Amino acid sequence: MPIMHRLRAYHALLVVLAVAAYATGEMGLVHAWLGYAVSVVLIGRVLWAVTGVPQLGLMRFYPQFAGLKLGNAMTHPAISRTLLLGIAVCLIGVSGTGIALDRGRAVGFAAGSVVGVAIAKDSADKKVKTATAKAKSEREESEGPMSELHEFLANLLVGLVTLHVAYLLLFKWPLARFMLFLDGAKR
């Protein structure tokens, strides 16, 4: 499979996971697991970039303003690269703040739930009271500055992605068609 087709598949996976993570923002564990999946995909992308393939290099995210003039401002690569850089920074920031907020609770959930069932059978009332107090503490904690930053970056990400999509649809239609799998099956 050509490298650009693999890049397109990676992009589609990242889009699906990021949209699902954003849409499940109030769903606790589902949101956390989707956030971890986005983080794994981002780490994979960085590792993929070090392979040396020019189409995958991280320099594609660095805007170069040489040759930018009023006449070519809308089609100059600096615009697209600036949007990509903003999206990358927001994705990394959202993932990082999400992991910091979760503190591994979603990862430890599977192991903890098995032990939790056995404990709950022995001391159901005590467990419920402890769980309620812990949930209240976590809710108060999740409303702090880190949570605000996480939410701000997620909302900024949505805005930048919207601009990115609009820019590609308006000024880079052939690339937009390719990335949206609308280029037809050329065999």
N, C-alpha and C. Protein backbone atom coordinates (compact mmCIF):
# COMPACT_ATOMS: atom_id res chain seq x y z
N MET A 1 0.85 -1.17 0.00
CA MET A 1 0.00 0.00 0.00
C MET A 1 0.90 1.25 0.00
N PRO A 2 0.68 2.17 -0.93
CA PRO A 2 1.49 3.39 -0.98
C PRO A 2 1.40 4.19 0.33
N ILE A 3 2.46 4.93 0.61
CA ILE A 3 2.57 5.66 1.87
C ILE A 3 1.42 6.65 2.08
N MET A 4 0.99 7.31 1.03
CA MET A 4 -0.10 8.29 1.18
C MET A 4 -1.42 7.60 1.53
N HIS A 5 -1.62 6.38 1.07
CA HIS A 5 -2.83 5.64 1.43
C HIS A 5 -2.77 5.21 2.89
N ARG A 6 -1.58 4.86 3.37
CA ARG A 6 -1.43 4.53 4.79
C ARG A 6 -1.63 5.77 5.66
N LEU A 7 -1.13 6.91 5.18
CA LEU A 7 -1.31 8.17 5.90
C LEU A 7 -2.80 8.52 5.96
N ARG A 8 -3.50 8.30 4.88
CA ARG A 8 -4.94 8.56 4.84
C ARG A 8 -5.68 7.64 5.83
N ALA A 9 -5.30 6.38 5.89
CA ALA A 9 -5.92 5.45 6.84
C ALA A 9 -5.64 5.87 8.29
N TYR A 10 -4.39 6.28 8.56
CA TYR A 10 -4.04 6.79 9.89
C TYR A 10 -4.91 8.00 10.23
N HIS A 11 -5.03 8.91 9.29
CA HIS A 11 -5.82 10.12 9.49
C HIS A 11 -7.27 9.77 9.81
N ALA A 12 -7.83 8.83 9.07
CA ALA A 12 -9.23 8.42 9.31
C ALA A 12 -9.38 7.83 10.70
N LEU A 13 -8.44 7.00 11.12
CA LEU A 13 -8.49 6.41 12.47
C LEU A 13 -8.42 7.49 13.53
N LEU A 14 -7.49 8.43 13.36
CA LEU A 14 -7.35 9.52 14.32
C LEU A 14 -8.62 10.36 14.39
N VAL A 15 -9.21 10.66 13.25
CA VAL A 15 -10.44 11.46 13.21
C VAL A 15 -11.56 10.74 13.95
N VAL A 16 -11.76 9.46 13.64
CA VAL A 16 -12.84 8.70 14.28
C VAL A 16 -12.64 8.65 15.80
N LEU A 17 -11.42 8.36 16.25
CA LEU A 17 -11.16 8.29 17.68
C LEU A 17 -11.32 9.65 18.37
N ALA A 18 -10.80 10.70 17.75
CA ALA A 18 -10.89 12.03 18.36
C ALA A 18 -12.34 12.52 18.43
N VAL A 19 -13.10 12.30 17.37
CA VAL A 19 -14.51 12.70 17.38
C VAL A 19 -15.28 11.90 18.44
N ALA A 20 -15.01 10.61 18.51
CA ALA A 20 -15.68 9.76 19.51
C ALA A 20 -15.30 10.20 20.93
N ALA A 21 -14.03 10.52 21.15
CA ALA A 21 -13.60 10.98 22.47
C ALA A 21 -14.29 12.30 22.83
N TYR A 22 -14.39 13.21 21.88
CA TYR A 22 -15.05 14.49 22.14
C TYR A 22 -16.54 14.28 22.42
N ALA A 23 -17.17 13.42 21.64
CA ALA A 23 -18.61 13.18 21.79
C ALA A 23 -18.95 12.48 23.10
N THR A 24 -18.01 11.73 23.66
CA THR A 24 -18.27 11.01 24.90
C THR A 24 -17.69 11.73 26.11
N GLY A 25 -17.52 13.02 26.02
CA GLY A 25 -16.90 13.81 27.08
C GLY A 25 -17.51 13.63 28.45
N GLU A 26 -18.77 13.30 28.53
CA GLU A 26 -19.44 13.12 29.82
C GLU A 26 -19.64 11.65 30.17
N MET A 27 -18.98 10.75 29.46
CA MET A 27 -19.21 9.33 29.67
C MET A 27 -18.09 8.64 30.45
N GLY A 28 -17.30 9.37 31.19
CA GLY A 28 -16.32 8.82 32.10
C GLY A 28 -15.36 7.82 31.49
N LEU A 29 -15.58 6.55 31.78
CA LEU A 29 -14.66 5.50 31.39
C LEU A 29 -14.54 5.36 29.88
N VAL A 30 -15.64 5.46 29.15
CA VAL A 30 -15.60 5.37 27.68
C VAL A 30 -14.75 6.51 27.13
N HIS A 31 -14.97 7.70 27.64
CA HIS A 31 -14.21 8.88 27.22
C HIS A 31 -12.72 8.68 27.50
N ALA A 32 -12.42 8.17 28.69
CA ALA A 32 -11.01 7.96 29.07
C ALA A 32 -10.34 6.95 28.15
N TRP A 33 -11.00 5.84 27.88
CA TRP A 33 -10.40 4.82 27.01
C TRP A 33 -10.20 5.35 25.60
N LEU A 34 -11.15 6.11 25.10
CA LEU A 34 -10.98 6.70 23.76
C LEU A 34 -9.82 7.70 23.76
N GLY A 35 -9.69 8.45 24.86
CA GLY A 35 -8.56 9.37 24.99
C GLY A 35 -7.23 8.65 24.98
N TYR A 36 -7.16 7.52 25.69
CA TYR A 36 -5.94 6.72 25.66
C TYR A 36 -5.66 6.19 24.25
N ALA A 37 -6.70 5.81 23.54
CA ALA A 37 -6.53 5.32 22.16
C ALA A 37 -5.97 6.43 21.27
N VAL A 38 -6.49 7.65 21.43
CA VAL A 38 -5.96 8.79 20.67
C VAL A 38 -4.47 8.98 21.00
N SER A 39 -4.12 8.86 22.27
CA SER A 39 -2.72 9.02 22.68
C SER A 39 -1.82 7.97 22.03
N VAL A 40 -2.29 6.74 21.98
CA VAL A 40 -1.51 5.67 21.35
C VAL A 40 -1.31 5.96 19.86
N VAL A 41 -2.36 6.43 19.20
CA VAL A 41 -2.26 6.76 17.78
C VAL A 41 -1.28 7.92 17.57
N LEU A 42 -1.31 8.92 18.46
CA LEU A 42 -0.38 10.04 18.35
C LEU A 42 1.07 9.58 18.54
N ILE A 43 1.29 8.72 19.52
CA ILE A 43 2.64 8.20 19.75
C ILE A 43 3.10 7.39 18.53
N GLY A 44 2.19 6.61 17.98
CA GLY A 44 2.49 5.86 16.76
C GLY A 44 2.88 6.78 15.61
N ARG A 45 2.19 7.91 15.51
CA ARG A 45 2.49 8.87 14.43
C ARG A 45 3.89 9.47 14.60
N VAL A 46 4.26 9.79 15.83
CA VAL A 46 5.59 10.34 16.08
C VAL A 46 6.65 9.29 15.75
N LEU A 47 6.42 8.05 16.15
CA LEU A 47 7.37 6.98 15.82
C LEU A 47 7.44 6.75 14.32
N TRP A 48 6.31 6.87 13.66
CA TRP A 48 6.25 6.71 12.20
C TRP A 48 7.05 7.81 11.52
N ALA A 49 7.03 9.02 12.12
CA ALA A 49 7.73 10.17 11.53
C ALA A 49 9.23 9.98 11.51
N VAL A 50 9.77 9.22 12.45
CA VAL A 50 11.22 9.06 12.50
C VAL A 50 11.74 8.01 11.51
N THR A 51 10.86 7.46 10.69
CA THR A 51 11.29 6.49 9.69
C THR A 51 12.07 7.13 8.56
N GLY A 52 11.95 8.45 8.42
CA GLY A 52 12.68 9.16 7.38
C GLY A 52 11.92 9.37 6.09
N VAL A 53 10.70 8.86 6.00
CA VAL A 53 9.89 9.06 4.80
C VAL A 53 9.43 10.53 4.78
N PRO A 54 9.74 11.27 3.69
CA PRO A 54 9.44 12.71 3.66
C PRO A 54 7.96 13.06 3.90
N GLN A 55 7.05 12.25 3.42
CA GLN A 55 5.62 12.54 3.59
C GLN A 55 5.18 12.41 5.04
N LEU A 56 5.99 11.76 5.87
CA LEU A 56 5.62 11.52 7.26
C LEU A 56 6.38 12.38 8.24
N GLY A 57 7.34 13.15 7.76
CA GLY A 57 8.19 13.93 8.64
C GLY A 57 7.43 14.97 9.44
N LEU A 58 7.96 15.29 10.60
CA LEU A 58 7.33 16.28 11.46
C LEU A 58 7.48 17.70 10.91
N MET A 59 8.37 17.89 9.95
CA MET A 59 8.52 19.21 9.33
C MET A 59 7.27 19.62 8.57
N ARG A 60 6.42 18.66 8.26
CA ARG A 60 5.15 18.99 7.58
C ARG A 60 4.24 19.81 8.48
N PHE A 61 4.54 19.82 9.78
CA PHE A 61 3.74 20.58 10.74
C PHE A 61 4.33 21.95 11.02
N TYR A 62 5.53 22.21 10.49
CA TYR A 62 6.21 23.47 10.76
C TYR A 62 5.93 24.44 9.62
N PRO A 63 5.21 25.54 9.92
CA PRO A 63 4.90 26.50 8.86
C PRO A 63 6.14 27.27 8.40
N GLN A 64 6.31 27.36 7.09
CA GLN A 64 7.39 28.14 6.51
C GLN A 64 6.74 29.26 5.70
N PHE A 65 7.03 30.48 6.06
CA PHE A 65 6.34 31.63 5.49
C PHE A 65 7.07 32.25 4.30
N ALA A 66 8.18 31.67 3.89
CA ALA A 66 8.91 32.19 2.73
C ALA A 66 8.02 32.10 1.49
N GLY A 67 7.93 33.19 0.76
CA GLY A 67 7.13 33.22 -0.47
C GLY A 67 5.66 33.54 -0.24
N LEU A 68 5.28 33.78 1.00
CA LEU A 68 3.89 34.12 1.29
C LEU A 68 3.63 35.57 0.91
N LYS A 69 2.68 35.76 0.00
CA LYS A 69 2.30 37.10 -0.46
C LYS A 69 0.79 37.21 -0.43
N LEU A 70 0.31 38.40 -0.58
CA LEU A 70 -1.14 38.60 -0.57
C LEU A 70 -1.82 37.82 -1.69
N GLY A 71 -1.18 37.74 -2.83
CA GLY A 71 -1.77 37.05 -3.98
C GLY A 71 -1.89 35.53 -3.81
N ASN A 72 -1.02 34.94 -3.00
CA ASN A 72 -1.07 33.48 -2.83
C ASN A 72 -1.38 33.07 -1.39
N ALA A 73 -1.86 34.00 -0.62
CA ALA A 73 -2.07 33.76 0.82
C ALA A 73 -2.99 32.58 1.11
N MET A 74 -4.03 32.41 0.34
CA MET A 74 -5.00 31.36 0.64
C MET A 74 -4.55 29.97 0.20
N THR A 75 -3.62 29.90 -0.70
CA THR A 75 -3.17 28.58 -1.16
C THR A 75 -1.74 28.25 -0.75
N HIS A 76 -1.10 29.16 -0.02
CA HIS A 76 0.28 28.93 0.41
C HIS A 76 0.30 27.84 1.48
N PRO A 77 1.31 26.96 1.44
CA PRO A 77 1.39 25.86 2.42
C PRO A 77 1.47 26.31 3.88
N ALA A 78 1.87 27.54 4.13
CA ALA A 78 1.98 28.01 5.51
C ALA A 78 0.63 27.99 6.23
N ILE A 79 -0.44 28.26 5.49
CA ILE A 79 -1.78 28.25 6.10
C ILE A 79 -2.13 26.85 6.57
N SER A 80 -2.00 25.89 5.70
CA SER A 80 -2.32 24.50 6.04
C SER A 80 -1.41 23.99 7.16
N ARG A 81 -0.14 24.31 7.09
CA ARG A 81 0.79 23.84 8.10
C ARG A 81 0.54 24.50 9.46
N THR A 82 0.14 25.76 9.46
CA THR A 82 -0.19 26.43 10.72
C THR A 82 -1.40 25.76 11.37
N LEU A 83 -2.39 25.43 10.56
CA LEU A 83 -3.56 24.73 11.10
C LEU A 83 -3.17 23.34 11.62
N LEU A 84 -2.33 22.63 10.87
CA LEU A 84 -1.88 21.31 11.32
C LEU A 84 -1.10 21.40 12.63
N LEU A 85 -0.24 22.41 12.74
CA LEU A 85 0.52 22.59 13.97
C LEU A 85 -0.41 22.87 15.14
N GLY A 86 -1.39 23.74 14.94
CA GLY A 86 -2.36 24.03 16.00
C GLY A 86 -3.15 22.80 16.40
N ILE A 87 -3.55 22.01 15.42
CA ILE A 87 -4.30 20.78 15.71
C ILE A 87 -3.41 19.80 16.48
N ALA A 88 -2.16 19.66 16.07
CA ALA A 88 -1.24 18.75 16.75
C ALA A 88 -1.01 19.18 18.20
N VAL A 89 -0.78 20.47 18.40
CA VAL A 89 -0.56 20.98 19.76
C VAL A 89 -1.79 20.74 20.63
N CYS A 90 -2.97 21.01 20.08
CA CYS A 90 -4.20 20.79 20.84
C CYS A 90 -4.42 19.30 21.14
N LEU A 91 -4.19 18.44 20.16
CA LEU A 91 -4.35 17.00 20.39
C LEU A 91 -3.39 16.50 21.47
N ILE A 92 -2.15 16.93 21.41
CA ILE A 92 -1.18 16.53 22.42
C ILE A 92 -1.57 17.10 23.78
N GLY A 93 -2.00 18.36 23.80
CA GLY A 93 -2.43 18.98 25.05
C GLY A 93 -3.66 18.32 25.65
N VAL A 94 -4.63 18.02 24.83
CA VAL A 94 -5.85 17.36 25.31
C VAL A 94 -5.50 15.97 25.84
N SER A 95 -4.67 15.25 25.11
CA SER A 95 -4.27 13.90 25.55
C SER A 95 -3.49 13.97 26.86
N GLY A 96 -2.55 14.88 26.93
CA GLY A 96 -1.73 15.01 28.14
C GLY A 96 -2.54 15.41 29.36
N THR A 97 -3.42 16.40 29.20
CA THR A 97 -4.24 16.81 30.34
C THR A 97 -5.24 15.72 30.71
N GLY A 98 -5.74 14.99 29.72
CA GLY A 98 -6.67 13.89 30.01
C GLY A 98 -6.00 12.78 30.79
N ILE A 99 -4.78 12.43 30.41
CA ILE A 99 -4.04 11.40 31.14
C ILE A 99 -3.74 11.89 32.55
N ALA A 100 -3.36 13.16 32.68
CA ALA A 100 -3.08 13.71 34.01
C ALA A 100 -4.33 13.70 34.89
N LEU A 101 -5.47 14.02 34.31
CA LEU A 101 -6.72 14.01 35.07
C LEU A 101 -7.14 12.60 35.47
N ASP A 102 -6.91 11.64 34.59
CA ASP A 102 -7.33 10.26 34.85
C ASP A 102 -6.42 9.56 35.84
N ARG A 103 -5.15 9.87 35.82
CA ARG A 103 -4.15 9.26 36.70
C ARG A 103 -4.16 7.73 36.67
N GLY A 104 -4.45 7.18 35.50
CA GLY A 104 -4.41 5.73 35.35
C GLY A 104 -5.63 4.99 35.86
N ARG A 105 -6.66 5.71 36.30
CA ARG A 105 -7.85 5.04 36.83
C ARG A 105 -8.53 4.18 35.78
N ALA A 106 -8.61 4.66 34.55
CA ALA A 106 -9.28 3.88 33.50
C ALA A 106 -8.49 2.62 33.18
N VAL A 107 -7.17 2.71 33.23
CA VAL A 107 -6.33 1.55 32.96
C VAL A 107 -6.47 0.53 34.08
N GLY A 108 -6.54 0.99 35.32
CA GLY A 108 -6.66 0.09 36.46
C GLY A 108 -8.07 -0.39 36.72
N PHE A 109 -9.03 0.08 35.94
CA PHE A 109 -10.43 -0.28 36.15
C PHE A 109 -10.67 -1.77 36.01
N ALA A 110 -10.12 -2.39 34.99
CA ALA A 110 -10.38 -3.81 34.73
C ALA A 110 -9.91 -4.67 35.90
N ALA A 111 -8.70 -4.44 36.38
CA ALA A 111 -8.19 -5.22 37.51
C ALA A 111 -8.95 -4.89 38.78
N GLY A 112 -9.23 -3.62 38.98
CA GLY A 112 -9.93 -3.19 40.19
C GLY A 112 -11.36 -3.66 40.26
N SER A 113 -12.01 -3.83 39.12
CA SER A 113 -13.42 -4.24 39.15
C SER A 113 -13.57 -5.68 39.63
N VAL A 114 -12.64 -6.56 39.30
CA VAL A 114 -12.70 -7.95 39.76
C VAL A 114 -12.54 -7.99 41.27
N VAL A 115 -11.57 -7.27 41.79
CA VAL A 115 -11.35 -7.22 43.23
C VAL A 115 -12.52 -6.52 43.91
N GLY A 116 -13.03 -5.49 43.27
CA GLY A 116 -14.15 -4.72 43.82
C GLY A 116 -15.40 -5.55 44.02
N VAL A 117 -15.68 -6.48 43.13
CA VAL A 117 -16.85 -7.34 43.25
C VAL A 117 -16.72 -8.22 44.49
N ALA A 118 -15.55 -8.79 44.73
CA ALA A 118 -15.34 -9.64 45.90
C ALA A 118 -15.47 -8.85 47.19
N ILE A 119 -14.92 -7.64 47.21
CA ILE A 119 -15.02 -6.81 48.41
C ILE A 119 -16.46 -6.37 48.65
N ALA A 120 -17.17 -6.03 47.59
CA ALA A 120 -18.54 -5.55 47.71
C ALA A 120 -19.45 -6.60 48.33
N LYS A 121 -19.18 -7.87 48.08
CA LYS A 121 -20.00 -8.93 48.67
C LYS A 121 -19.82 -8.97 50.18
N ASP A 122 -18.61 -8.67 50.66
CA ASP A 122 -18.33 -8.72 52.09
C ASP A 122 -18.82 -7.49 52.84
N SER A 123 -18.67 -6.32 52.23
CA SER A 123 -19.02 -5.08 52.95
C SER A 123 -19.71 -4.10 52.01
N ALA A 124 -20.91 -4.45 51.59
CA ALA A 124 -21.64 -3.66 50.59
C ALA A 124 -21.89 -2.23 51.06
N ASP A 125 -22.37 -2.05 52.28
CA ASP A 125 -22.70 -0.71 52.75
C ASP A 125 -21.46 0.18 52.85
N LYS A 126 -20.40 -0.34 53.42
CA LYS A 126 -19.17 0.44 53.57
C LYS A 126 -18.61 0.81 52.20
N LYS A 127 -18.66 -0.13 51.28
CA LYS A 127 -18.15 0.10 49.93
C LYS A 127 -18.94 1.20 49.23
N VAL A 128 -20.26 1.20 49.37
CA VAL A 128 -21.10 2.21 48.73
C VAL A 128 -20.78 3.59 49.28
N LYS A 129 -20.64 3.70 50.60
CA LYS A 129 -20.32 4.99 51.22
C LYS A 129 -18.95 5.49 50.77
N THR A 130 -17.99 4.58 50.74
CA THR A 130 -16.64 4.96 50.30
C THR A 130 -16.63 5.37 48.84
N ALA A 131 -17.33 4.62 48.00
CA ALA A 131 -17.40 4.93 46.58
C ALA A 131 -18.08 6.28 46.34
N THR A 132 -19.13 6.56 47.11
CA THR A 132 -19.84 7.83 46.98
C THR A 132 -18.93 8.99 47.35
N ALA A 133 -18.20 8.86 48.46
CA ALA A 133 -17.27 9.91 48.88
C ALA A 133 -16.15 10.09 47.86
N LYS A 134 -15.65 8.98 47.33
CA LYS A 134 -14.58 9.05 46.34
C LYS A 134 -15.07 9.72 45.05
N ALA A 135 -16.28 9.37 44.62
CA ALA A 135 -16.85 9.98 43.42
C ALA A 135 -17.02 11.48 43.60
N LYS A 136 -17.48 11.89 44.78
CA LYS A 136 -17.66 13.32 45.05
C LYS A 136 -16.31 14.03 45.01
N SER A 137 -15.28 13.41 45.61
CA SER A 137 -13.95 13.99 45.61
C SER A 137 -13.40 14.11 44.19
N GLU A 138 -13.59 13.07 43.39
CA GLU A 138 -13.12 13.10 42.00
C GLU A 138 -13.85 14.14 41.19
N ARG A 139 -15.15 14.32 41.44
CA ARG A 139 -15.95 15.31 40.72
C ARG A 139 -15.44 16.71 41.04
N GLU A 140 -15.17 16.98 42.32
CA GLU A 140 -14.64 18.28 42.71
C GLU A 140 -13.26 18.51 42.10
N GLU A 141 -12.45 17.44 42.10
CA GLU A 141 -11.11 17.52 41.54
C GLU A 141 -11.14 17.76 40.03
N SER A 142 -12.10 17.13 39.36
CA SER A 142 -12.17 17.24 37.91
C SER A 142 -12.66 18.60 37.45
N GLU A 143 -13.13 19.41 38.36
CA GLU A 143 -13.59 20.75 37.99
C GLU A 143 -12.50 21.79 38.21
N GLY A 144 -11.27 21.37 38.44
CA GLY A 144 -10.16 22.27 38.70
C GLY A 144 -9.57 22.84 37.43
N PRO A 145 -8.43 23.54 37.56
CA PRO A 145 -7.79 24.19 36.42
C PRO A 145 -7.34 23.21 35.33
N MET A 146 -6.90 22.02 35.70
CA MET A 146 -6.47 21.05 34.69
C MET A 146 -7.66 20.63 33.83
N SER A 147 -8.80 20.46 34.46
CA SER A 147 -10.01 20.10 33.73
C SER A 147 -10.43 21.24 32.81
N GLU A 148 -10.31 22.46 33.28
CA GLU A 148 -10.64 23.62 32.45
C GLU A 148 -9.72 23.70 31.24
N LEU A 149 -8.43 23.46 31.46
CA LEU A 149 -7.47 23.47 30.35
C LEU A 149 -7.80 22.35 29.36
N HIS A 150 -8.13 21.17 29.87
CA HIS A 150 -8.50 20.04 29.01
C HIS A 150 -9.69 20.40 28.13
N GLU A 151 -10.70 20.98 28.75
CA GLU A 151 -11.90 21.36 28.00
C GLU A 151 -11.62 22.48 27.01
N PHE A 152 -10.83 23.47 27.42
CA PHE A 152 -10.47 24.57 26.53
C PHE A 152 -9.74 24.06 25.29
N LEU A 153 -8.75 23.19 25.51
CA LEU A 153 -7.98 22.65 24.38
C LEU A 153 -8.87 21.80 23.47
N ALA A 154 -9.80 21.06 24.05
CA ALA A 154 -10.72 20.25 23.24
C ALA A 154 -11.59 21.15 22.37
N ASN A 155 -12.10 22.22 22.94
CA ASN A 155 -12.94 23.14 22.17
C ASN A 155 -12.12 23.90 21.12
N LEU A 156 -10.90 24.28 21.46
CA LEU A 156 -10.01 24.93 20.49
C LEU A 156 -9.69 23.96 19.35
N LEU A 157 -9.50 22.69 19.69
CA LEU A 157 -9.26 21.67 18.68
C LEU A 157 -10.41 21.58 17.69
N VAL A 158 -11.63 21.61 18.20
CA VAL A 158 -12.80 21.57 17.31
C VAL A 158 -12.80 22.76 16.36
N GLY A 159 -12.48 23.94 16.86
CA GLY A 159 -12.42 25.12 16.01
C GLY A 159 -11.34 25.02 14.95
N LEU A 160 -10.16 24.56 15.35
CA LEU A 160 -9.06 24.43 14.38
C LEU A 160 -9.35 23.36 13.34
N VAL A 161 -9.95 22.26 13.76
CA VAL A 161 -10.31 21.21 12.80
C VAL A 161 -11.36 21.72 11.82
N THR A 162 -12.30 22.50 12.31
CA THR A 162 -13.32 23.08 11.44
C THR A 162 -12.67 23.98 10.39
N LEU A 163 -11.73 24.83 10.83
CA LEU A 163 -11.00 25.68 9.88
C LEU A 163 -10.18 24.84 8.90
N HIS A 164 -9.55 23.80 9.39
CA HIS A 164 -8.74 22.90 8.56
C HIS A 164 -9.60 22.26 7.47
N VAL A 165 -10.74 21.73 7.86
CA VAL A 165 -11.64 21.09 6.89
C VAL A 165 -12.15 22.12 5.88
N ALA A 166 -12.58 23.28 6.37
CA ALA A 166 -13.08 24.32 5.47
C ALA A 166 -11.99 24.77 4.49
N TYR A 167 -10.77 24.95 5.00
CA TYR A 167 -9.66 25.37 4.15
C TYR A 167 -9.40 24.34 3.05
N LEU A 168 -9.36 23.07 3.42
CA LEU A 168 -9.10 22.03 2.41
C LEU A 168 -10.23 21.95 1.39
N LEU A 169 -11.46 22.05 1.86
CA LEU A 169 -12.59 21.98 0.93
C LEU A 169 -12.63 23.16 -0.03
N LEU A 170 -12.25 24.33 0.46
CA LEU A 170 -12.31 25.54 -0.37
C LEU A 170 -11.09 25.73 -1.28
N PHE A 171 -9.89 25.38 -0.75
CA PHE A 171 -8.68 25.73 -1.48
C PHE A 171 -7.80 24.56 -1.90
N LYS A 172 -8.05 23.40 -1.37
CA LYS A 172 -7.23 22.22 -1.68
C LYS A 172 -8.15 21.03 -1.97
N TRP A 173 -9.11 21.23 -2.86
CA TRP A 173 -10.13 20.24 -3.15
C TRP A 173 -9.57 18.87 -3.53
N PRO A 174 -8.55 18.76 -4.38
CA PRO A 174 -8.04 17.43 -4.72
C PRO A 174 -7.51 16.67 -3.48
N LEU A 175 -6.81 17.37 -2.60
CA LEU A 175 -6.32 16.73 -1.38
C LEU A 175 -7.49 16.36 -0.46
N ALA A 176 -8.46 17.23 -0.36
CA ALA A 176 -9.65 16.95 0.47
C ALA A 176 -10.37 15.71 -0.05
N ARG A 177 -10.54 15.62 -1.36
CA ARG A 177 -11.19 14.44 -1.95
C ARG A 177 -10.43 13.17 -1.62
N PHE A 178 -9.12 13.23 -1.73
CA PHE A 178 -8.29 12.06 -1.43
C PHE A 178 -8.44 11.65 0.04
N MET A 179 -8.31 12.61 0.96
CA MET A 179 -8.36 12.29 2.38
C MET A 179 -9.75 11.83 2.82
N LEU A 180 -10.77 12.25 2.11
CA LEU A 180 -12.15 11.84 2.43
C LEU A 180 -12.57 10.59 1.66
N PHE A 181 -11.64 9.94 1.00
CA PHE A 181 -11.90 8.71 0.23
C PHE A 181 -12.90 8.96 -0.90
N LEU A 182 -12.89 10.16 -1.47
CA LEU A 182 -13.80 10.50 -2.56
C LEU A 182 -13.08 10.51 -3.91
N ASP A 183 -11.86 10.07 -3.94
CA ASP A 183 -11.07 10.12 -5.17
C ASP A 183 -11.38 8.98 -6.13
N GLY A 184 -12.25 8.10 -5.73
CA GLY A 184 -12.58 6.96 -6.61
C GLY A 184 -11.50 5.89 -6.52
N ALA A 185 -11.88 4.71 -6.82
CA ALA A 185 -10.94 3.59 -6.76
C ALA A 185 -10.14 3.54 -8.04
N LYS A 186 -8.94 4.07 -8.02
CA LYS A 186 -8.07 4.05 -9.20
C LYS A 186 -7.25 2.77 -9.17
N ARG A 187 -7.54 1.90 -10.08
CA ARG A 187 -6.87 0.59 -10.09
C ARG A 187 -6.05 0.45 -11.34
